[in-house]
Amino acid sequence: MATFEENVKQLEAIVAQLERGDLPLDDSIRLFEEGMRLSGACKEQLEAAEGKVQILMRQRDGSMHPEPFPPGK
């Protein structure tokens, strides 16, 4: 399984290729599909990391309790 950083790097390369606009339609569609797959993998990896952060957040009394991850951070 690729790391988050590897997936992001591949996704950035796909975006760069698609932005050039010089690919045949079939190649563009194939790359788009791959980009969507990578985007989904990144989302899953971020959600897993967020879950770990929620578990590790400390309450004021020093005990470990799950805590919602603040949105936008």
PDB file of N, CA and C in Angstrom:
ATOM      1  N   MET A   1       0.840  -1.178   0.000  1.00  0.00           N
ATOM      2  CA  MET A   1       0.000   0.000   0.000  1.00  0.00           C
ATOM      3  C   MET A   1       0.890   1.248   0.000  1.00  0.00           C
ATOM      4  N   ALA A   2       0.573   2.165  -0.847  1.00  0.00           N
ATOM      5  CA  ALA A   2       1.348   3.403  -0.973  1.00  0.00           C
ATOM      6  C   ALA A   2       1.065   4.319   0.221  1.00  0.00           C
ATOM      7  N   THR A   3       2.049   5.138   0.540  1.00  0.00           N
ATOM      8  CA  THR A   3       1.866   6.102   1.620  1.00  0.00           C
ATOM      9  C   THR A   3       1.000   7.260   1.114  1.00  0.00           C
ATOM     10  N   PHE A   4       0.520   8.046   2.056  1.00  0.00           N
ATOM     11  CA  PHE A   4      -0.265   9.231   1.709  1.00  0.00           C
ATOM     12  C   PHE A   4       0.543  10.148   0.795  1.00  0.00           C
ATOM     13  N   GLU A   5       1.805  10.360   1.158  1.00  0.00           N
ATOM     14  CA  GLU A   5       2.662  11.259   0.388  1.00  0.00           C
ATOM     15  C   GLU A   5       2.889  10.742  -1.031  1.00  0.00           C
ATOM     16  N   GLU A   6       3.050   9.429  -1.183  1.00  0.00           N
ATOM     17  CA  GLU A   6       3.222   8.841  -2.516  1.00  0.00           C
ATOM     18  C   GLU A   6       1.962   9.024  -3.350  1.00  0.00           C
ATOM     19  N   ASN A   7       0.803   8.808  -2.723  1.00  0.00           N
ATOM     20  CA  ASN A   7      -0.465   8.994  -3.436  1.00  0.00           C
ATOM     21  C   ASN A   7      -0.656  10.438  -3.875  1.00  0.00           C
ATOM     22  N   VAL A   8      -0.323  11.372  -3.001  1.00  0.00           N
ATOM     23  CA  VAL A   8      -0.462  12.784  -3.343  1.00  0.00           C
ATOM     24  C   VAL A   8       0.473  13.144  -4.499  1.00  0.00           C
ATOM     25  N   LYS A   9       1.687  12.633  -4.464  1.00  0.00           N
ATOM     26  CA  LYS A   9       2.651  12.913  -5.529  1.00  0.00           C
ATOM     27  C   LYS A   9       2.145  12.378  -6.872  1.00  0.00           C
ATOM     28  N   GLN A  10       1.591  11.159  -6.872  1.00  0.00           N
ATOM     29  CA  GLN A  10       1.021  10.591  -8.102  1.00  0.00           C
ATOM     30  C   GLN A  10      -0.168  11.419  -8.576  1.00  0.00           C
ATOM     31  N   LEU A  11      -1.000  11.834  -7.642  1.00  0.00           N
ATOM     32  CA  LEU A  11      -2.171  12.638  -7.981  1.00  0.00           C
ATOM     33  C   LEU A  11      -1.754  13.973  -8.594  1.00  0.00           C
ATOM     34  N   GLU A  12      -0.727  14.596  -8.027  1.00  0.00           N
ATOM     35  CA  GLU A  12      -0.221  15.857  -8.585  1.00  0.00           C
ATOM     36  C   GLU A  12       0.312  15.664 -10.006  1.00  0.00           C
ATOM     37  N   ALA A  13       0.982  14.545 -10.255  1.00  0.00           N
ATOM     38  CA  ALA A  13       1.499  14.264 -11.600  1.00  0.00           C
ATOM     39  C   ALA A  13       0.353  14.084 -12.591  1.00  0.00           C
ATOM     40  N   ILE A  14      -0.704  13.420 -12.165  1.00  0.00           N
ATOM     41  CA  ILE A  14      -1.867  13.224 -13.034  1.00  0.00           C
ATOM     42  C   ILE A  14      -2.520  14.561 -13.349  1.00  0.00           C
ATOM     43  N   VAL A  15      -2.683  15.393 -12.335  1.00  0.00           N
ATOM     44  CA  VAL A  15      -3.292  16.713 -12.551  1.00  0.00           C
ATOM     45  C   VAL A  15      -2.466  17.520 -13.545  1.00  0.00           C
ATOM     46  N   ALA A  16      -1.142  17.474 -13.403  1.00  0.00           N
ATOM     47  CA  ALA A  16      -0.270  18.214 -14.325  1.00  0.00           C
ATOM     48  C   ALA A  16      -0.453  17.715 -15.748  1.00  0.00           C
ATOM     49  N   GLN A  17      -0.542  16.398 -15.927  1.00  0.00           N
ATOM     50  CA  GLN A  17      -0.735  15.841 -17.266  1.00  0.00           C
ATOM     51  C   GLN A  17      -2.081  16.279 -17.846  1.00  0.00           C
ATOM     52  N   LEU A  18      -3.109  16.222 -17.036  1.00  0.00           N
ATOM     53  CA  LEU A  18      -4.438  16.597 -17.523  1.00  0.00           C
ATOM     54  C   LEU A  18      -4.519  18.091 -17.830  1.00  0.00           C
ATOM     55  N   GLU A  19      -3.832  18.904 -17.041  1.00  0.00           N
ATOM     56  CA  GLU A  19      -3.875  20.350 -17.263  1.00  0.00           C
ATOM     57  C   GLU A  19      -3.170  20.756 -18.557  1.00  0.00           C
ATOM     58  N   ARG A  20      -2.223  19.968 -18.998  1.00  0.00           N
ATOM     59  CA  ARG A  20      -1.552  20.287 -20.275  1.00  0.00           C
ATOM     60  C   ARG A  20      -2.546  20.275 -21.424  1.00  0.00           C
ATOM     61  N   GLY A  21      -3.534  19.381 -21.343  1.00  0.00           N
ATOM     62  CA  GLY A  21      -4.586  19.347 -22.347  1.00  0.00           C
ATOM     63  C   GLY A  21      -4.182  18.749 -23.684  1.00  0.00           C
ATOM     64  N   ASP A  22      -3.068  18.025 -23.737  1.00  0.00           N
ATOM     65  CA  ASP A  22      -2.601  17.494 -25.020  1.00  0.00           C
ATOM     66  C   ASP A  22      -2.765  15.985 -25.146  1.00  0.00           C
ATOM     67  N   LEU A  23      -3.504  15.368 -24.229  1.00  0.00           N
ATOM     68  CA  LEU A  23      -3.693  13.918 -24.258  1.00  0.00           C
ATOM     69  C   LEU A  23      -4.930  13.550 -25.062  1.00  0.00           C
ATOM     70  N   PRO A  24      -4.899  12.386 -25.699  1.00  0.00           N
ATOM     71  CA  PRO A  24      -6.123  11.889 -26.335  1.00  0.00           C
ATOM     72  C   PRO A  24      -7.206  11.654 -25.273  1.00  0.00           C
ATOM     73  N   LEU A  25      -8.427  11.700 -25.692  1.00  0.00           N
ATOM     74  CA  LEU A  25      -9.558  11.571 -24.774  1.00  0.00           C
ATOM     75  C   LEU A  25      -9.480  10.297 -23.944  1.00  0.00           C
ATOM     76  N   ASP A  26      -9.186   9.164 -24.576  1.00  0.00           N
ATOM     77  CA  ASP A  26      -9.117   7.900 -23.832  1.00  0.00           C
ATOM     78  C   ASP A  26      -8.061   7.948 -22.735  1.00  0.00           C
ATOM     79  N   ASP A  27      -6.918   8.528 -23.019  1.00  0.00           N
ATOM     80  CA  ASP A  27      -5.863   8.652 -22.013  1.00  0.00           C
ATOM     81  C   ASP A  27      -6.292   9.596 -20.894  1.00  0.00           C
ATOM     82  N   SER A  28      -6.967  10.663 -21.257  1.00  0.00           N
ATOM     83  CA  SER A  28      -7.454  11.610 -20.246  1.00  0.00           C
ATOM     84  C   SER A  28      -8.455  10.940 -19.313  1.00  0.00           C
ATOM     85  N   ILE A  29      -9.345  10.157 -19.865  1.00  0.00           N
ATOM     86  CA  ILE A  29     -10.341   9.460 -19.050  1.00  0.00           C
ATOM     87  C   ILE A  29      -9.660   8.449 -18.136  1.00  0.00           C
ATOM     88  N   ARG A  30      -8.686   7.709 -18.661  1.00  0.00           N
ATOM     89  CA  ARG A  30      -7.955   6.731 -17.857  1.00  0.00           C
ATOM     90  C   ARG A  30      -7.236   7.420 -16.698  1.00  0.00           C
ATOM     91  N   LEU A  31      -6.575   8.545 -16.993  1.00  0.00           N
ATOM     92  CA  LEU A  31      -5.886   9.287 -15.942  1.00  0.00           C
ATOM     93  C   LEU A  31      -6.858   9.870 -14.919  1.00  0.00           C
ATOM     94  N   PHE A  32      -7.994  10.352 -15.401  1.00  0.00           N
ATOM     95  CA  PHE A  32      -9.013  10.881 -14.498  1.00  0.00           C
ATOM     96  C   PHE A  32      -9.493   9.799 -13.537  1.00  0.00           C
ATOM     97  N   GLU A  33      -9.744   8.601 -14.074  1.00  0.00           N
ATOM     98  CA  GLU A  33     -10.179   7.484 -13.240  1.00  0.00           C
ATOM     99  C   GLU A  33      -9.117   7.139 -12.196  1.00  0.00           C
ATOM    100  N   GLU A  34      -7.860   7.110 -12.597  1.00  0.00           N
ATOM    101  CA  GLU A  34      -6.767   6.839 -11.678  1.00  0.00           C
ATOM    102  C   GLU A  34      -6.676   7.943 -10.617  1.00  0.00           C
ATOM    103  N   GLY A  35      -6.870   9.174 -11.033  1.00  0.00           N
ATOM    104  CA  GLY A  35      -6.862  10.291 -10.089  1.00  0.00           C
ATOM    105  C   GLY A  35      -7.977  10.179  -9.069  1.00  0.00           C
ATOM    106  N   MET A  36      -9.138   9.754  -9.497  1.00  0.00           N
ATOM    107  CA  MET A  36     -10.258   9.574  -8.578  1.00  0.00           C
ATOM    108  C   MET A  36      -9.954   8.452  -7.588  1.00  0.00           C
ATOM    109  N   ARG A  37      -9.323   7.377  -8.054  1.00  0.00           N
ATOM    110  CA  ARG A  37      -8.948   6.277  -7.166  1.00  0.00           C
ATOM    111  C   ARG A  37      -7.942   6.764  -6.128  1.00  0.00           C
ATOM    112  N   LEU A  38      -6.940   7.517  -6.581  1.00  0.00           N
ATOM    113  CA  LEU A  38      -5.929   8.048  -5.667  1.00  0.00           C
ATOM    114  C   LEU A  38      -6.545   9.028  -4.678  1.00  0.00           C
ATOM    115  N   SER A  39      -7.460   9.851  -5.143  1.00  0.00           N
ATOM    116  CA  SER A  39      -8.142  10.797  -4.266  1.00  0.00           C
ATOM    117  C   SER A  39      -8.904  10.056  -3.169  1.00  0.00           C
ATOM    118  N   GLY A  40      -9.574   8.982  -3.533  1.00  0.00           N
ATOM    119  CA  GLY A  40     -10.288   8.168  -2.552  1.00  0.00           C
ATOM    120  C   GLY A  40      -9.342   7.533  -1.542  1.00  0.00           C
ATOM    121  N   ALA A  41      -8.192   7.052  -2.026  1.00  0.00           N
ATOM    122  CA  ALA A  41      -7.201   6.454  -1.129  1.00  0.00           C
ATOM    123  C   ALA A  41      -6.670   7.499  -0.156  1.00  0.00           C
ATOM    124  N   CYS A  42      -6.406   8.707  -0.648  1.00  0.00           N
ATOM    125  CA  CYS A  42      -5.936   9.790   0.221  1.00  0.00           C
ATOM    126  C   CYS A  42      -6.991  10.127   1.271  1.00  0.00           C
ATOM    127  N   LYS A  43      -8.235  10.180   0.864  1.00  0.00           N
ATOM    128  CA  LYS A  43      -9.325  10.488   1.801  1.00  0.00           C
ATOM    129  C   LYS A  43      -9.382   9.436   2.900  1.00  0.00           C
ATOM    130  N   GLU A  44      -9.278   8.161   2.523  1.00  0.00           N
ATOM    131  CA  GLU A  44      -9.304   7.092   3.517  1.00  0.00           C
ATOM    132  C   GLU A  44      -8.125   7.204   4.480  1.00  0.00           C
ATOM    133  N   GLN A  45      -6.938   7.515   3.945  1.00  0.00           N
ATOM    134  CA  GLN A  45      -5.761   7.655   4.793  1.00  0.00           C
ATOM    135  C   GLN A  45      -5.908   8.838   5.752  1.00  0.00           C
ATOM    136  N   LEU A  46      -6.464   9.940   5.278  1.00  0.00           N
ATOM    137  CA  LEU A  46      -6.686  11.097   6.143  1.00  0.00           C
ATOM    138  C   LEU A  46      -7.718  10.793   7.229  1.00  0.00           C
ATOM    139  N   GLU A  47      -8.769  10.081   6.869  1.00  0.00           N
ATOM    140  CA  GLU A  47      -9.789   9.725   7.853  1.00  0.00           C
ATOM    141  C   GLU A  47      -9.211   8.799   8.921  1.00  0.00           C
ATOM    142  N   ALA A  48      -8.337   7.868   8.517  1.00  0.00           N
ATOM    143  CA  ALA A  48      -7.694   6.979   9.486  1.00  0.00           C
ATOM    144  C   ALA A  48      -6.801   7.783  10.427  1.00  0.00           C
ATOM    145  N   ALA A  49      -6.055   8.734   9.876  1.00  0.00           N
ATOM    146  CA  ALA A  49      -5.187   9.577  10.702  1.00  0.00           C
ATOM    147  C   ALA A  49      -6.029  10.431  11.648  1.00  0.00           C
ATOM    148  N   GLU A  50      -7.126  10.968  11.146  1.00  0.00           N
ATOM    149  CA  GLU A  50      -8.013  11.773  11.984  1.00  0.00           C
ATOM    150  C   GLU A  50      -8.554  10.951  13.140  1.00  0.00           C
ATOM    151  N   GLY A  51      -8.919   9.703  12.871  1.00  0.00           N
ATOM    152  CA  GLY A  51      -9.409   8.828  13.928  1.00  0.00           C
ATOM    153  C   GLY A  51      -8.364   8.604  15.002  1.00  0.00           C
ATOM    154  N   LYS A  52      -7.118   8.432  14.585  1.00  0.00           N
ATOM    155  CA  LYS A  52      -6.039   8.253  15.558  1.00  0.00           C
ATOM    156  C   LYS A  52      -5.849   9.517  16.391  1.00  0.00           C
ATOM    157  N   VAL A  53      -5.934  10.669  15.754  1.00  0.00           N
ATOM    158  CA  VAL A  53      -5.784  11.933  16.479  1.00  0.00           C
ATOM    159  C   VAL A  53      -6.908  12.088  17.492  1.00  0.00           C
ATOM    160  N   GLN A  54      -8.109  11.751  17.094  1.00  0.00           N
ATOM    161  CA  GLN A  54      -9.248  11.859  18.008  1.00  0.00           C
ATOM    162  C   GLN A  54      -9.024  10.994  19.243  1.00  0.00           C
ATOM    163  N   ILE A  55      -8.507   9.798  19.053  1.00  0.00           N
ATOM    164  CA  ILE A  55      -8.280   8.892  20.169  1.00  0.00           C
ATOM    165  C   ILE A  55      -7.203   9.438  21.094  1.00  0.00           C
ATOM    166  N   LEU A  56      -6.204  10.108  20.524  1.00  0.00           N
ATOM    167  CA  LEU A  56      -5.063  10.562  21.314  1.00  0.00           C
ATOM    168  C   LEU A  56      -5.227  11.936  21.951  1.00  0.00           C
ATOM    169  N   MET A  57      -6.300  12.626  21.616  1.00  0.00           N
ATOM    170  CA  MET A  57      -6.506  13.953  22.204  1.00  0.00           C
ATOM    171  C   MET A  57      -6.672  13.828  23.709  1.00  0.00           C
ATOM    172  N   ARG A  58      -5.986  14.690  24.432  1.00  0.00           N
ATOM    173  CA  ARG A  58      -6.052  14.658  25.905  1.00  0.00           C
ATOM    174  C   ARG A  58      -7.096  15.662  26.409  1.00  0.00           C
ATOM    175  N   GLN A  59      -7.815  15.206  27.422  1.00  0.00           N
ATOM    176  CA  GLN A  59      -8.721  16.089  28.124  1.00  0.00           C
ATOM    177  C   GLN A  59      -7.905  16.902  29.124  1.00  0.00           C
ATOM    178  N   ARG A  60      -8.472  17.917  29.704  1.00  0.00           N
ATOM    179  CA  ARG A  60      -7.764  18.787  30.646  1.00  0.00           C
ATOM    180  C   ARG A  60      -7.249  18.044  31.875  1.00  0.00           C
ATOM    181  N   ASP A  61      -7.937  16.978  32.275  1.00  0.00           N
ATOM    182  CA  ASP A  61      -7.496  16.248  33.466  1.00  0.00           C
ATOM    183  C   ASP A  61      -6.350  15.282  33.165  1.00  0.00           C
ATOM    184  N   GLY A  62      -5.885  15.236  31.936  1.00  0.00           N
ATOM    185  CA  GLY A  62      -4.754  14.395  31.558  1.00  0.00           C
ATOM    186  C   GLY A  62      -5.128  12.991  31.143  1.00  0.00           C
ATOM    187  N   SER A  63      -6.378  12.600  31.313  1.00  0.00           N
ATOM    188  CA  SER A  63      -6.788  11.267  30.885  1.00  0.00           C
ATOM    189  C   SER A  63      -7.017  11.258  29.379  1.00  0.00           C
ATOM    190  N   MET A  64      -6.968  10.083  28.795  1.00  0.00           N
ATOM    191  CA  MET A  64      -7.138   9.954  27.347  1.00  0.00           C
ATOM    192  C   MET A  64      -8.602   9.662  27.034  1.00  0.00           C
ATOM    193  N   HIS A  65      -9.207  10.519  26.224  1.00  0.00           N
ATOM    194  CA  HIS A  65     -10.592  10.340  25.814  1.00  0.00           C
ATOM    195  C   HIS A  65     -10.707  10.725  24.343  1.00  0.00           C
ATOM    196  N   PRO A  66     -11.529   9.989  23.579  1.00  0.00           N
ATOM    197  CA  PRO A  66     -11.776  10.428  22.207  1.00  0.00           C
ATOM    198  C   PRO A  66     -12.397  11.819  22.225  1.00  0.00           C
ATOM    199  N   GLU A  67     -12.001  12.635  21.293  1.00  0.00           N
ATOM    200  CA  GLU A  67     -12.521  13.985  21.209  1.00  0.00           C
ATOM    201  C   GLU A  67     -12.692  14.321  19.733  1.00  0.00           C
ATOM    202  N   PRO A  68     -13.776  14.938  19.342  1.00  0.00           N
ATOM    203  CA  PRO A  68     -13.974  15.265  17.930  1.00  0.00           C
ATOM    204  C   PRO A  68     -12.819  16.106  17.407  1.00  0.00           C
ATOM    205  N   PHE A  69     -12.434  15.834  16.184  1.00  0.00           N
ATOM    206  CA  PHE A  69     -11.379  16.583  15.526  1.00  0.00           C
ATOM    207  C   PHE A  69     -11.945  17.917  15.095  1.00  0.00           C
ATOM    208  N   PRO A  70     -11.299  19.039  15.465  1.00  0.00           N
ATOM    209  CA  PRO A  70     -11.839  20.354  15.084  1.00  0.00           C
ATOM    210  C   PRO A  70     -11.840  20.524  13.568  1.00  0.00           C
ATOM    211  N   PRO A  71     -12.959  20.864  12.973  1.00  0.00           N
ATOM    212  CA  PRO A  71     -12.988  21.061  11.519  1.00  0.00           C
ATOM    213  C   PRO A  71     -12.147  22.251  11.102  1.00  0.00           C
ATOM    214  N   GLY A  72     -11.570  22.136   9.917  1.00  0.00           N
ATOM    215  CA  GLY A  72     -10.806  23.246   9.362  1.00  0.00           C
ATOM    216  C   GLY A  72      -9.393  23.373   9.883  1.00  0.00           C
ATOM    217  N   LYS A  73      -8.931  22.396  10.628  1.00  0.00           N
ATOM    218  CA  LYS A  73      -7.559  22.468  11.151  1.00  0.00           C
ATOM    219  C   LYS A  73      -6.719  21.370  10.579  1.00  0.00           C
TER     220      LYS A  73
END
